[in-house]
Amino acid sequence: MVAAIPLLLWVVSQPLVGSVTLAAVVGLLVGGRRAYRLTRCFYDCQGFTFDLGGKAQITVTQIPIDEAN
């Protein structure tokens, strides 16, 4: 809470830079969480599927080592 006060004062004094910084931090947090979940899913399920607007799906799977050519 103590660190939030100087940060809040900086954002109020520099609204454009503060908004861009806040958007970048939120984007990194959301992107990091999604990348972590995708990686964990890939190792648990050995694959994942992207849904492209309900019209198509792209599935990425991992070939087991004993079946590789």
Protein backbone atom coordinates (compact mmCIF):
# COMPACT_ATOMS: atom_id res chain seq x y z
CA MET A 1 0.00 0.00 0.00
CA VAL A 2 2.85 2.38 0.78
CA ALA A 3 4.39 1.84 -2.66
CA ALA A 4 1.02 2.49 -4.32
CA ILE A 5 0.85 6.12 -3.17
CA PRO A 6 3.95 7.36 -5.07
CA LEU A 7 2.92 5.26 -8.06
CA LEU A 8 -0.57 6.77 -7.99
CA LEU A 9 0.88 10.29 -7.79
CA TRP A 10 3.13 9.55 -10.77
CA VAL A 11 0.17 8.22 -12.81
CA VAL A 12 -1.89 11.31 -11.96
CA SER A 13 0.94 13.66 -12.96
CA GLN A 14 1.71 11.74 -16.19
CA PRO A 15 -1.64 10.35 -17.37
CA LEU A 16 -0.58 9.27 -20.88
CA VAL A 17 2.60 7.51 -19.79
CA GLY A 18 0.78 6.02 -16.80
CA SER A 19 -2.00 4.65 -19.00
CA VAL A 20 0.44 3.10 -21.44
CA THR A 21 2.46 1.58 -18.59
CA LEU A 22 -0.67 0.19 -16.95
CA ALA A 23 -1.87 -1.31 -20.23
CA ALA A 24 1.56 -2.89 -20.84
CA VAL A 25 1.68 -4.41 -17.34
CA VAL A 26 -1.84 -5.82 -17.65
CA GLY A 27 -1.02 -7.22 -21.10
CA LEU A 28 2.12 -8.91 -19.79
CA LEU A 29 0.26 -10.41 -16.84
CA VAL A 30 -2.57 -11.77 -19.00
CA GLY A 31 -0.16 -13.03 -21.66
CA GLY A 32 2.06 -14.68 -19.06
CA ARG A 33 -0.84 -16.47 -17.41
CA ARG A 34 -2.13 -17.74 -20.76
CA ALA A 35 1.32 -18.91 -21.83
CA TYR A 36 1.75 -20.76 -18.53
CA ARG A 37 -1.64 -22.47 -18.85
CA LEU A 38 -0.95 -23.37 -22.50
CA THR A 39 2.44 -24.86 -21.62
CA ARG A 40 0.99 -26.82 -18.70
CA CYS A 41 -1.85 -28.12 -20.89
CA PHE A 42 0.57 -29.12 -23.64
CA TYR A 43 2.71 -31.19 -21.25
CA ASP A 44 -0.32 -32.76 -19.51
CA CYS A 45 -2.45 -33.50 -22.58
CA GLN A 46 0.34 -33.83 -25.18
CA GLY A 47 -1.50 -31.37 -27.42
CA PHE A 48 -3.91 -28.45 -27.70
CA THR A 49 -6.50 -27.06 -30.09
CA PHE A 50 -7.10 -23.48 -31.25
CA ASP A 51 -10.68 -22.58 -32.14
CA LEU A 52 -10.80 -19.99 -34.92
CA GLY A 53 -14.15 -18.28 -34.52
CA GLY A 54 -16.17 -21.49 -34.51
CA LYS A 55 -15.40 -22.08 -38.19
CA ALA A 56 -12.13 -24.01 -37.94
CA GLN A 57 -9.86 -25.66 -35.42
CA ILE A 58 -6.11 -26.11 -35.44
CA THR A 59 -4.79 -29.00 -33.35
CA VAL A 60 -1.14 -29.25 -32.32
CA THR A 61 0.02 -32.56 -30.83
CA GLN A 62 3.29 -34.00 -29.70
CA ILE A 63 4.50 -37.21 -31.37
CA PRO A 64 5.61 -39.82 -28.82
CA ILE A 65 9.31 -40.64 -29.05
CA ASP A 66 8.81 -44.35 -29.81
CA GLU A 67 6.55 -43.55 -32.81
CA ALA A 68 8.82 -40.98 -34.45
CA ASN A 69 10.27 -41.84 -37.85
